[in-house]
Amino acid sequence: MKNLMKFGFSFLILCVLVLSSCSKEAPLQPQKAANDPVPLANEEVELCFDNPNNPYEYVGVQHNLGLDKIAATPGFESLSIEEAHAIAAETVESNLGVDEGIPYADIADAYEYINAEEPILEVAQSLASDGTISDEAYSKLLEMNQILDDSEDPVSFGEKMIDFENDVMNNGAFTTEELEIILGAASIARHSACYWMTAALNADNPWHAHLGLDANDLKGGADARWGWWKKVKKFFKKVVKWVKADVSGYKYANKVIGYFWNGEKWVQIVASVVVGVIYSWIKIFG
């Protein structure tokens, strides 16, 4: 009987130990949702998308180079709008071979829509109302804005934008000026999303500390159940507002600057890129 009691007691202890070890299992690993087309955890994911078919691809590239130049300036967060404008203008002018100069005073009006609640929509309405663009071009700008609103992550956004651009190029219904506005804005949208996502995910990026990311954003990957990809998706929703600012700045400046440089299209494009750069700078620091 004693032996039976000893066996029962030993068996009970064994069960307690087993259950105790089970309760200390490793945290759950992030689970991939059915619609997540990318690897999980910290695996490399391509967040940036190029479209060599877009004849205005250089617009987005120069936009990001302008932001880089501003960020490389000591104390860039304390620059005035005019100073930031001058840095971006000098950079883009030099890169694209424009000698005329793009003074802030001449195009200050191009910064009018920076505080608009939906800047892409309001700029599109302005362009359509005065006949700068057709109804079909207007609908395409609305579609671009909708892609930004509907996309849940930078990967799906990049893929949708490239499809959107290719559709515009294959349409054949748009004027050269409309293509400049739509495709240039689309290039800025893709490159801007890439730029701000990179800054949000990299603590060493000079813009990172100024993006208004809260403590929960920054610790996103600490809980494995959260997962790195969910962190990416949350960041993307935050950077959409800067992307919209960049896009609307380019589009509206294209219209305003046309009043100053009659027929000087190349200068007009360059100036529009500069305003797109400063729109995001104002959005962050203004």
Protein backbone atom coordinates (compact mmCIF):
# COMPACT_ATOMS: atom_id res chain seq x y z
CA MET A 1 0.00 0.00 0.00
CA LYS A 2 2.89 2.34 0.88
CA ASN A 3 4.54 1.56 -2.42
CA LEU A 4 1.33 2.40 -4.22
CA MET A 5 1.07 5.71 -2.34
CA LYS A 6 4.70 6.54 -3.16
CA PHE A 7 4.05 5.80 -6.83
CA GLY A 8 0.93 7.97 -6.84
CA PHE A 9 2.76 10.85 -5.16
CA SER A 10 5.69 10.59 -7.57
CA PHE A 11 3.32 10.53 -10.54
CA LEU A 12 1.59 13.66 -9.22
CA ILE A 13 4.92 15.52 -8.89
CA LEU A 14 5.85 14.48 -12.41
CA CYS A 15 2.59 15.84 -13.78
CA VAL A 16 3.11 19.17 -11.98
CA LEU A 17 6.60 19.50 -13.45
CA VAL A 18 5.39 18.71 -16.94
CA LEU A 19 2.53 21.19 -16.72
CA SER A 20 4.85 23.82 -15.31
CA SER A 21 7.28 23.44 -18.19
CA CYS A 22 4.41 23.65 -20.70
CA SER A 23 3.23 26.96 -19.20
CA LYS A 24 6.66 28.49 -19.96
CA GLU A 25 6.55 27.77 -23.66
CA ALA A 26 8.18 30.24 -26.06
CA PRO A 27 6.08 33.23 -27.17
CA LEU A 28 3.93 32.70 -30.20
CA GLN A 29 5.65 33.52 -33.45
CA PRO A 30 3.96 36.03 -35.78
CA GLN A 31 1.40 34.39 -37.99
CA LYS A 32 1.21 35.26 -41.66
CA ALA A 33 -2.20 36.44 -42.74
CA ALA A 34 -3.59 35.02 -45.95
CA ASN A 35 -3.22 38.37 -47.74
CA ASP A 36 0.34 39.13 -46.60
CA PRO A 37 2.51 38.49 -49.67
CA VAL A 38 5.85 38.88 -47.89
CA PRO A 39 8.17 37.06 -45.46
CA LEU A 40 7.76 37.60 -41.74
CA ALA A 41 9.98 38.57 -38.82
CA ASN A 42 13.04 40.57 -39.89
CA GLU A 43 13.57 38.99 -43.29
CA GLU A 44 14.40 41.38 -46.09
CA VAL A 45 11.33 42.77 -47.81
CA GLU A 46 11.53 45.10 -50.79
CA LEU A 47 9.66 48.23 -49.76
CA CYS A 48 10.69 50.34 -52.76
CA PHE A 49 9.43 49.99 -56.31
CA ASP A 50 10.80 51.48 -59.55
CA ASN A 51 8.94 51.76 -62.82
CA PRO A 52 11.38 52.18 -65.74
CA ASN A 53 8.40 52.49 -68.09
CA ASN A 54 7.37 55.77 -66.50
CA PRO A 55 9.02 58.64 -68.45
CA TYR A 56 8.80 60.79 -65.31
CA GLU A 57 10.51 58.29 -63.04
CA TYR A 58 13.33 60.79 -62.45
CA VAL A 59 10.85 63.09 -60.71
CA GLY A 60 10.50 60.76 -57.71
CA VAL A 61 14.24 60.08 -57.64
CA GLN A 62 15.06 63.80 -57.50
CA HIS A 63 12.39 64.33 -54.87
CA ASN A 64 14.17 61.92 -52.54
CA LEU A 65 17.59 63.41 -53.29
CA GLY A 66 16.21 66.80 -52.27
CA LEU A 67 15.05 65.37 -48.94
CA ASP A 68 18.46 63.74 -48.45
CA LYS A 69 20.22 67.05 -48.95
CA ILE A 70 18.01 68.78 -46.41
CA ALA A 71 18.57 65.99 -43.87
CA ALA A 72 22.35 66.27 -44.38
CA THR A 73 22.23 69.92 -43.28
CA PRO A 74 23.22 70.38 -39.60
CA GLY A 75 20.21 71.45 -37.56
CA PHE A 76 17.88 70.86 -40.50
CA GLU A 77 14.89 70.66 -38.18
CA SER A 78 15.38 74.37 -37.38
CA LEU A 79 15.55 75.61 -40.96
CA SER A 80 13.01 78.14 -42.16
CA ILE A 81 10.79 77.23 -45.09
CA GLU A 82 12.81 79.56 -47.31
CA GLU A 83 16.10 77.95 -46.24
CA ALA A 84 14.80 74.41 -46.79
CA HIS A 85 13.43 75.50 -50.17
CA ALA A 86 16.82 76.96 -51.17
CA ILE A 87 18.63 73.72 -50.29
CA ALA A 88 16.20 71.52 -52.18
CA ALA A 89 16.13 73.90 -55.16
CA GLU A 90 19.91 74.05 -55.46
CA THR A 91 20.12 70.26 -55.27
CA VAL A 92 17.47 69.48 -57.87
CA GLU A 93 18.56 72.32 -60.18
CA SER A 94 22.13 71.06 -60.11
CA ASN A 95 21.14 67.45 -60.68
CA LEU A 96 18.90 68.27 -63.63
CA GLY A 97 20.92 71.07 -65.19
CA VAL A 98 18.65 74.06 -64.60
CA ASP A 99 20.43 77.42 -64.33
CA GLU A 100 17.54 79.85 -64.01
CA GLY A 101 17.13 79.49 -60.27
CA ILE A 102 13.83 78.88 -58.50
CA PRO A 103 13.50 81.57 -55.79
CA TYR A 104 11.08 80.96 -52.97
CA ALA A 105 9.41 84.36 -53.35
CA ASP A 106 8.32 83.57 -56.90
CA ILE A 107 6.47 80.39 -56.02
CA ALA A 108 5.41 80.88 -52.41
CA ASP A 109 1.80 80.56 -53.56
CA ALA A 110 2.52 76.93 -54.47
CA TYR A 111 2.54 76.08 -50.77
CA GLU A 112 -1.12 77.03 -50.43
CA TYR A 113 -2.55 73.53 -49.96
CA ILE A 114 -0.13 72.25 -47.32
CA ASN A 115 -2.74 72.28 -44.55
CA ALA A 116 -5.57 70.83 -46.62
CA GLU A 117 -7.29 67.86 -45.00
CA GLU A 118 -7.22 65.93 -48.28
CA PRO A 119 -4.54 67.73 -50.32
CA ILE A 120 -4.53 65.43 -53.36
CA LEU A 121 -8.31 65.73 -53.74
CA GLU A 122 -8.35 69.49 -53.29
CA VAL A 123 -5.49 70.06 -55.73
CA ALA A 124 -7.15 67.75 -58.27
CA GLN A 125 -10.39 69.73 -57.96
CA SER A 126 -8.49 72.96 -58.48
CA LEU A 127 -6.75 71.64 -61.60
CA ALA A 128 -10.04 70.37 -63.04
CA SER A 129 -12.11 73.45 -62.22
CA ASP A 130 -9.90 75.82 -64.21
CA GLY A 131 -9.51 73.46 -67.15
CA THR A 132 -5.86 72.54 -66.52
CA ILE A 133 -6.84 68.86 -66.75
CA SER A 134 -9.71 66.93 -68.32
CA ASP A 135 -12.40 65.07 -66.43
CA GLU A 136 -10.65 61.79 -67.26
CA ALA A 137 -7.33 63.04 -65.90
CA TYR A 138 -9.16 64.28 -62.81
CA SER A 139 -10.65 60.82 -62.25
CA LYS A 140 -7.16 59.32 -62.46
CA LEU A 141 -5.90 61.62 -59.72
CA LEU A 142 -8.84 60.56 -57.58
CA GLU A 143 -7.95 56.94 -58.29
CA MET A 144 -4.37 57.58 -57.17
CA ASN A 145 -5.64 59.02 -53.91
CA GLN A 146 -7.90 56.00 -53.44
CA ILE A 147 -4.96 53.63 -53.93
CA LEU A 148 -3.16 55.42 -51.10
CA ASP A 149 -6.21 55.16 -48.86
CA ASP A 150 -6.92 51.50 -49.62
CA SER A 151 -3.39 50.06 -49.56
CA GLU A 152 -2.49 48.38 -46.27
CA ASP A 153 1.27 48.15 -46.78
CA PRO A 154 4.06 49.54 -48.98
CA VAL A 155 4.34 46.35 -51.03
CA SER A 156 0.72 46.27 -52.20
CA PHE A 157 0.87 50.05 -52.70
CA GLY A 158 3.96 49.84 -54.93
CA GLU A 159 2.46 47.08 -57.04
CA LYS A 160 -0.86 48.92 -57.44
CA MET A 161 0.86 52.15 -58.38
CA ILE A 162 2.92 50.53 -61.13
CA ASP A 163 -0.25 48.95 -62.56
CA PHE A 164 -1.93 52.36 -62.33
CA GLU A 165 0.93 54.11 -64.17
CA ASN A 166 1.08 51.51 -66.90
CA ASP A 167 -2.66 51.84 -67.41
CA VAL A 168 -2.32 55.63 -67.75
CA MET A 169 0.47 55.25 -70.31
CA ASN A 170 -1.53 52.73 -72.33
CA ASN A 171 -4.65 54.86 -72.27
CA GLY A 172 -3.67 57.31 -75.00
CA ALA A 173 -6.31 59.83 -73.96
CA PHE A 174 -4.12 62.25 -71.99
CA THR A 175 -2.22 65.33 -73.09
CA THR A 176 1.50 65.72 -72.45
CA GLU A 177 0.74 68.15 -69.63
CA GLU A 178 -1.69 65.70 -68.03
CA LEU A 179 0.81 62.87 -68.25
CA GLU A 180 3.40 65.11 -66.64
CA ILE A 181 1.07 65.77 -63.72
CA ILE A 182 -0.30 62.22 -63.30
CA LEU A 183 2.88 60.20 -63.93
CA GLY A 184 5.16 62.66 -62.15
CA ALA A 185 2.88 62.59 -59.12
CA ALA A 186 2.75 58.79 -59.26
CA SER A 187 6.55 58.59 -59.33
CA ILE A 188 6.75 60.90 -56.32
CA ALA A 189 4.13 58.81 -54.52
CA ARG A 190 6.15 55.59 -54.92
CA HIS A 191 9.49 57.14 -54.07
CA SER A 192 8.03 59.14 -51.19
CA ALA A 193 6.48 55.99 -49.67
CA CYS A 194 9.85 54.26 -49.98
CA TYR A 195 11.66 57.23 -48.41
CA TRP A 196 9.42 57.63 -45.39
CA MET A 197 9.07 53.90 -44.74
CA THR A 198 12.87 53.60 -44.73
CA ALA A 199 13.11 56.51 -42.30
CA ALA A 200 10.41 55.07 -40.03
CA LEU A 201 12.04 51.63 -39.82
CA ASN A 202 15.62 52.84 -39.35
CA ALA A 203 16.41 54.52 -36.03
CA ASP A 204 19.68 55.85 -37.47
CA ASN A 205 17.93 57.74 -40.26
CA PRO A 206 18.14 61.53 -39.61
CA TRP A 207 14.39 61.91 -40.17
CA HIS A 208 13.42 59.06 -37.82
CA ALA A 209 13.26 61.05 -34.59
CA HIS A 210 11.01 63.67 -36.18
CA LEU A 211 8.28 61.42 -37.56
CA GLY A 212 6.06 61.44 -34.49
CA LEU A 213 6.32 57.69 -33.87
CA ASP A 214 5.12 56.86 -30.37
CA ALA A 215 6.55 54.29 -27.93
CA ASN A 216 4.22 51.56 -29.14
CA ASP A 217 5.34 52.14 -32.72
CA LEU A 218 9.00 51.83 -31.84
CA LYS A 219 8.65 48.65 -29.79
CA GLY A 220 6.51 47.02 -32.44
CA GLY A 221 8.70 43.93 -32.82
CA ALA A 222 9.31 43.31 -29.12
CA ASP A 223 6.26 41.09 -28.80
CA ALA A 224 6.69 38.26 -31.27
CA ARG A 225 2.93 37.92 -31.53
CA TRP A 226 2.87 41.45 -33.00
CA GLY A 227 5.35 40.63 -35.70
CA TRP A 228 7.60 42.75 -37.85
CA TRP A 229 5.17 42.83 -40.77
CA LYS A 230 2.38 44.27 -38.63
CA LYS A 231 4.81 46.99 -37.59
CA VAL A 232 5.49 47.75 -41.25
CA LYS A 233 1.77 48.01 -41.97
CA LYS A 234 1.21 50.34 -39.03
CA PHE A 235 4.06 52.59 -40.12
CA PHE A 236 2.71 52.70 -43.67
CA LYS A 237 -0.61 54.12 -42.50
CA LYS A 238 1.32 56.88 -40.75
CA VAL A 239 3.52 57.81 -43.70
CA VAL A 240 0.58 58.09 -46.12
CA LYS A 241 0.00 61.67 -44.93
CA TRP A 242 3.54 62.64 -45.95
CA VAL A 243 3.17 60.89 -49.28
CA LYS A 244 -0.03 62.83 -49.93
CA ALA A 245 1.71 66.08 -49.02
CA ASP A 246 4.58 65.36 -51.42
CA VAL A 247 2.24 64.43 -54.27
CA SER A 248 -0.08 67.41 -53.83
CA GLY A 249 2.86 69.83 -53.62
CA TYR A 250 4.19 68.61 -56.95
CA LYS A 251 0.79 68.74 -58.64
CA TYR A 252 -0.22 72.18 -57.46
CA ALA A 253 3.20 73.72 -58.06
CA ASN A 254 3.02 72.45 -61.62
CA LYS A 255 0.00 74.68 -62.09
CA VAL A 256 1.19 77.74 -60.15
CA ILE A 257 4.70 77.76 -61.58
CA GLY A 258 3.30 77.71 -65.08
CA TYR A 259 2.24 81.30 -64.49
CA PHE A 260 5.86 82.36 -63.97
CA TRP A 261 7.72 80.40 -66.65
CA ASN A 262 5.73 80.51 -69.83
CA GLY A 263 6.42 77.37 -71.83
CA GLU A 264 9.61 76.64 -69.89
CA LYS A 265 8.41 73.13 -69.09
CA TRP A 266 11.70 71.73 -67.83
CA VAL A 267 12.08 74.45 -65.23
CA GLN A 268 8.44 74.03 -64.28
CA ILE A 269 8.94 70.32 -63.58
CA VAL A 270 12.08 70.96 -61.55
CA ALA A 271 10.35 73.62 -59.47
CA SER A 272 7.40 71.31 -58.90
CA VAL A 273 9.74 68.64 -57.56
CA VAL A 274 11.21 71.17 -55.14
CA VAL A 275 7.78 72.16 -53.84
CA GLY A 276 6.91 68.48 -53.39
CA VAL A 277 10.01 68.13 -51.21
CA ILE A 278 9.15 71.14 -49.08
CA TYR A 279 5.53 70.06 -48.62
CA SER A 280 6.69 67.06 -46.61
CA TRP A 281 9.26 69.17 -44.73
CA ILE A 282 6.52 71.62 -43.71
CA LYS A 283 4.21 68.75 -42.77
CA ILE A 284 6.82 67.43 -40.33
CA PHE A 285 8.32 70.64 -38.94
CA GLY A 286 5.88 73.39 -39.85
